[in-house]
Amino acid sequence: MTELLYYQDAYCQNFDAVVVAVESQDGKTRVALDRTAFYPGGGGQPHDQGELTFDGTPYPVLKAGKEGGQIWHSLTQEVPTLTVGSRVQGQLDWARRYALMRTHTAMHILCGVVWRDYGASVTGGNMDPGSGRMDFEFASLTRDMISEIEAKCNAEVAAAHPVRDQSLPRAEAFQIPDLIRTKINLLPEGIAEVRTVELVGLDLQADGGTHVRNSQEVGIIRVVDYKSKGAINKRVYIELGE
């Protein structure tokens, strides 16, 4: 099992680790480590990128992905000398990760505002560094409503909500009202513990991604577009400013 440093400290940028598994194919190498700060992707948040340094040479990490209890790091080239027991140093592409953390928290602000003030469930979503889109179960959505939602989101940014996470036994977590905001519960039955993320005073959801410590770090949220994706499905696009 890989030790997940990104849950212990989402701001961890550099770490030391030991290789526990290696695979090489098609001129590229991928490794599993005993510990990592690379987020493997999930819940709409893309995987991290960065570098693993071995024997003084940095190797770009193109992708991180989770398989079973291990996080695999896919390198852009083959490294024949990298073996089980090798010691490496990891470094995240921090600009990318931090932009994703800000964006993910912004998506929770958007979701919290829409749920609280309009009672609309989430039907989908995705994000890139600094931008994202979220689908809601709205029968109708107007430009005036969009302007109102944007203003409310930025008021919540300015409110400086602390962001907290914790893991709860599944049965206890599902006693929390409205924990699942998606139209369909996407949590697999086999998950015994549920990680929750709370923007204190605004939003509390089941979530497996990384976030900033305080809503103020998100910066300005701009709702840049919206589209109808069906009779009761509306898509909202956001971008972040400073």
Protein backbone atom coordinates (compact mmCIF):
# COMPACT_ATOMS: atom_id res chain seq x y z
CA MET A 1 0.00 0.00 0.00
CA THR A 2 1.36 3.39 -1.00
CA GLU A 3 1.45 6.00 1.79
CA LEU A 4 -0.65 8.90 0.48
CA LEU A 5 1.20 12.07 1.40
CA TYR A 6 -1.31 14.25 -0.46
CA TYR A 7 -3.92 13.38 2.16
CA GLN A 8 -1.55 14.09 5.05
CA ASP A 9 -0.56 17.48 3.59
CA ALA A 10 -1.97 18.71 0.29
CA TYR A 11 0.82 21.32 0.19
CA CYS A 12 3.61 18.71 0.16
CA GLN A 13 5.64 19.43 -2.98
CA ASN A 14 8.82 17.36 -2.46
CA PHE A 15 9.37 13.97 -0.85
CA ASP A 16 11.78 11.03 -0.59
CA ALA A 17 10.59 7.52 -1.39
CA VAL A 18 11.67 3.95 -2.10
CA VAL A 19 10.70 2.03 -5.24
CA VAL A 20 8.55 -1.03 -4.41
CA ALA A 21 7.69 -2.15 -7.96
CA VAL A 22 8.97 -1.46 -11.49
CA GLU A 23 7.58 -2.21 -14.94
CA SER A 24 9.06 -1.34 -18.34
CA GLN A 25 7.25 -1.54 -21.66
CA ASP A 26 7.47 0.16 -25.07
CA GLY A 27 10.57 2.10 -24.07
CA LYS A 28 9.03 3.60 -20.93
CA THR A 29 9.22 2.78 -17.21
CA ARG A 30 6.61 3.08 -14.51
CA VAL A 31 7.27 2.69 -10.79
CA ALA A 32 5.27 2.26 -7.61
CA LEU A 33 6.66 3.92 -4.48
CA ASP A 34 6.28 3.30 -0.77
CA ARG A 35 5.01 6.91 -0.40
CA THR A 36 3.98 9.69 -2.77
CA ALA A 37 2.59 13.21 -3.00
CA PHE A 38 1.40 12.64 -6.60
CA TYR A 39 -2.40 12.66 -6.76
CA PRO A 40 -3.49 9.85 -9.13
CA GLY A 41 -6.62 11.56 -10.39
CA GLY A 42 -10.26 10.93 -9.56
CA GLY A 43 -13.54 12.70 -8.86
CA GLY A 44 -13.00 14.99 -11.82
CA GLN A 45 -9.56 16.17 -10.64
CA PRO A 46 -6.75 15.26 -13.08
CA HIS A 47 -3.60 13.42 -12.01
CA ASP A 48 -0.44 15.26 -11.01
CA GLN A 49 2.72 15.66 -13.05
CA GLY A 50 6.27 16.41 -11.99
CA GLU A 51 9.63 14.63 -11.69
CA LEU A 52 11.29 11.71 -9.97
CA THR A 53 15.02 12.17 -9.45
CA PHE A 54 17.15 9.01 -9.34
CA ASP A 55 20.91 8.97 -8.93
CA GLY A 56 21.04 12.70 -9.59
CA THR A 57 19.02 12.61 -12.82
CA PRO A 58 15.45 13.99 -12.98
CA TYR A 59 12.90 11.98 -14.98
CA PRO A 60 9.58 13.62 -15.94
CA VAL A 61 6.44 11.97 -14.54
CA LEU A 62 3.86 12.07 -17.29
CA LYS A 63 1.07 10.47 -15.29
CA ALA A 64 0.19 9.04 -11.88
CA GLY A 65 -2.53 6.42 -11.53
CA LYS A 66 -3.96 4.21 -8.82
CA GLU A 67 -4.18 0.44 -9.18
CA GLY A 68 -5.31 -1.47 -6.11
CA GLY A 69 -3.45 -0.03 -3.15
CA GLN A 70 -0.52 1.33 -5.16
CA ILE A 71 0.13 4.60 -6.99
CA TRP A 72 2.06 4.07 -10.23
CA HIS A 73 4.22 6.85 -11.69
CA SER A 74 4.64 6.68 -15.47
CA LEU A 75 7.93 8.14 -16.68
CA THR A 76 8.49 9.53 -20.16
CA GLN A 77 11.41 7.17 -20.83
CA GLU A 78 12.85 3.82 -19.87
CA VAL A 79 15.23 3.77 -16.90
CA PRO A 80 16.86 0.30 -16.77
CA THR A 81 18.89 1.06 -13.64
CA LEU A 82 15.78 1.87 -11.60
CA THR A 83 15.01 -1.23 -9.52
CA VAL A 84 13.07 -2.29 -6.44
CA GLY A 85 14.77 -0.69 -3.45
CA SER A 86 16.05 2.34 -5.39
CA ARG A 87 15.71 5.61 -3.55
CA VAL A 88 14.16 8.53 -5.42
CA GLN A 89 13.15 12.12 -4.76
CA GLY A 90 9.77 13.30 -6.01
CA GLN A 91 8.85 16.83 -7.00
CA LEU A 92 5.41 17.95 -8.12
CA ASP A 93 4.69 20.41 -10.88
CA TRP A 94 3.45 22.69 -8.13
CA ALA A 95 1.97 25.42 -10.33
CA ARG A 96 -0.29 22.79 -11.93
CA ARG A 97 -1.22 21.10 -8.62
CA TYR A 98 -1.97 24.35 -6.81
CA ALA A 99 -4.13 25.56 -9.71
CA LEU A 100 -6.06 22.28 -9.50
CA MET A 101 -6.47 22.66 -5.72
CA ARG A 102 -7.86 26.18 -6.18
CA THR A 103 -10.14 24.98 -8.98
CA HIS A 104 -11.42 22.00 -7.00
CA THR A 105 -12.30 24.22 -4.04
CA ALA A 106 -13.97 26.68 -6.43
CA MET A 107 -16.12 23.84 -7.76
CA HIS A 108 -17.23 23.06 -4.20
CA ILE A 109 -18.08 26.73 -3.67
CA LEU A 110 -20.18 26.71 -6.84
CA CYS A 111 -21.85 23.47 -5.82
CA GLY A 112 -22.49 24.73 -2.28
CA VAL A 113 -24.10 27.95 -3.50
CA VAL A 114 -26.28 26.21 -6.10
CA TRP A 115 -27.39 23.51 -3.65
CA ARG A 116 -28.11 25.97 -0.82
CA ASP A 117 -29.93 28.62 -2.85
CA TYR A 118 -31.46 26.69 -5.75
CA GLY A 119 -31.68 23.07 -4.53
CA ALA A 120 -30.10 21.75 -7.75
CA SER A 121 -28.29 18.39 -7.75
CA VAL A 122 -24.99 17.88 -9.59
CA THR A 123 -25.19 15.63 -12.65
CA GLY A 124 -21.55 15.83 -13.77
CA GLY A 125 -18.38 17.84 -13.77
CA ASN A 126 -14.76 18.11 -14.81
CA MET A 127 -11.81 20.43 -14.26
CA ASP A 128 -8.48 21.59 -15.63
CA PRO A 129 -5.95 23.83 -13.88
CA GLY A 130 -7.75 27.15 -13.47
CA SER A 131 -11.03 26.21 -15.12
CA GLY A 132 -13.88 23.73 -14.85
CA ARG A 133 -17.43 22.90 -15.72
CA MET A 134 -20.28 21.51 -13.66
CA ASP A 135 -23.67 20.19 -14.71
CA PHE A 136 -26.74 20.82 -12.56
CA GLU A 137 -30.34 19.63 -12.59
CA PHE A 138 -31.86 22.99 -13.52
CA ALA A 139 -35.12 23.18 -15.47
CA SER A 140 -34.08 26.64 -16.63
CA LEU A 141 -31.05 28.87 -16.25
CA THR A 142 -30.89 32.53 -17.27
CA ARG A 143 -28.13 35.12 -17.64
CA ASP A 144 -29.52 36.96 -14.60
CA MET A 145 -29.29 33.75 -12.54
CA ILE A 146 -25.72 33.20 -13.74
CA SER A 147 -24.72 36.72 -12.67
CA GLU A 148 -26.36 36.12 -9.32
CA ILE A 149 -24.57 32.77 -8.85
CA GLU A 150 -21.20 34.33 -9.75
CA ALA A 151 -21.68 37.14 -7.22
CA LYS A 152 -22.70 34.69 -4.50
CA CYS A 153 -19.68 32.47 -5.21
CA ASN A 154 -17.28 35.39 -4.90
CA ALA A 155 -18.94 36.44 -1.65
CA GLU A 156 -18.19 32.95 -0.30
CA VAL A 157 -14.58 33.21 -1.47
CA ALA A 158 -14.25 36.46 0.47
CA ALA A 159 -15.92 34.89 3.53
CA ALA A 160 -12.66 32.97 4.18
CA HIS A 161 -14.20 29.58 4.90
CA PRO A 162 -11.66 27.16 6.41
CA VAL A 163 -11.44 23.91 4.42
CA ARG A 164 -11.27 20.69 6.46
CA ASP A 165 -11.16 17.02 5.57
CA GLN A 166 -11.67 13.84 7.55
CA SER A 167 -12.29 10.13 6.98
CA LEU A 168 -15.37 8.53 8.53
CA PRO A 169 -16.71 4.96 8.66
CA ARG A 170 -19.15 4.53 5.80
CA ALA A 171 -22.21 4.07 8.02
CA GLU A 172 -21.36 7.22 10.03
CA ALA A 173 -20.65 9.28 6.93
CA PHE A 174 -24.00 8.45 5.38
CA GLN A 175 -25.79 9.80 8.44
CA ILE A 176 -24.72 13.28 7.28
CA PRO A 177 -27.63 14.93 5.41
CA ASP A 178 -26.96 15.73 1.74
CA LEU A 179 -23.43 14.29 1.84
CA ILE A 180 -23.79 13.11 -1.76
CA ARG A 181 -24.61 16.02 -4.07
CA THR A 182 -24.45 14.08 -7.31
CA LYS A 183 -27.70 12.81 -8.80
CA ILE A 184 -26.28 9.27 -8.61
CA ASN A 185 -24.21 7.99 -5.67
CA LEU A 186 -20.86 7.18 -7.30
CA LEU A 187 -19.18 5.75 -4.19
CA PRO A 188 -18.47 2.02 -4.68
CA GLU A 189 -20.07 -0.30 -2.14
CA GLY A 190 -16.68 -1.70 -1.13
CA ILE A 191 -15.39 1.59 0.34
CA ALA A 192 -15.40 1.15 4.11
CA GLU A 193 -14.28 4.70 4.93
CA VAL A 194 -15.54 7.86 3.28
CA ARG A 195 -13.37 10.97 3.04
CA THR A 196 -15.29 14.21 3.45
CA VAL A 197 -14.30 17.77 2.61
CA GLU A 198 -15.99 20.66 4.38
CA LEU A 199 -15.97 24.35 3.56
CA VAL A 200 -16.97 25.33 7.06
CA GLY A 201 -20.30 27.15 7.02
CA LEU A 202 -21.02 26.48 3.35
CA ASP A 203 -20.51 22.96 2.02
CA LEU A 204 -19.86 19.38 3.19
CA GLN A 205 -19.42 16.56 0.67
CA ALA A 206 -17.82 13.18 0.14
CA ASP A 207 -14.66 13.92 -1.85
CA GLY A 208 -11.29 12.33 -2.61
CA GLY A 209 -9.38 15.25 -4.11
CA THR A 210 -7.00 17.95 -2.91
CA HIS A 211 -8.04 21.44 -1.80
CA VAL A 212 -6.66 24.74 -0.53
CA ARG A 213 -6.81 25.50 3.19
CA ASN A 214 -9.13 28.49 2.93
CA SER A 215 -11.67 29.70 0.38
CA GLN A 216 -9.81 33.02 0.00
CA GLU A 217 -7.00 31.18 -1.79
CA VAL A 218 -9.37 30.42 -4.67
CA GLY A 219 -9.29 33.99 -5.94
CA ILE A 220 -11.92 35.41 -8.28
CA ILE A 221 -14.45 32.98 -9.75
CA ARG A 222 -15.78 33.96 -13.16
CA VAL A 223 -18.76 32.17 -14.69
CA VAL A 224 -17.73 32.44 -18.33
CA ASP A 225 -20.49 30.46 -20.05
CA TYR A 226 -23.51 28.22 -19.60
CA LYS A 227 -25.31 25.80 -21.88
CA SER A 228 -28.37 23.61 -21.92
CA LYS A 229 -27.42 19.93 -22.09
CA GLY A 230 -30.99 18.65 -21.87
CA ALA A 231 -34.46 19.41 -20.56
CA ILE A 232 -33.32 19.60 -16.93
CA ASN A 233 -29.54 19.55 -17.33
CA LYS A 234 -27.57 22.81 -17.51
CA ARG A 235 -23.78 23.17 -17.76
CA VAL A 236 -21.92 26.01 -16.02
CA TYR A 237 -18.34 26.93 -16.98
CA ILE A 238 -15.99 28.74 -14.59
CA GLU A 239 -12.50 30.23 -14.78
CA LEU A 240 -10.34 31.54 -11.95
CA GLY A 241 -8.73 34.94 -11.66
CA GLU A 242 -6.22 36.07 -9.06
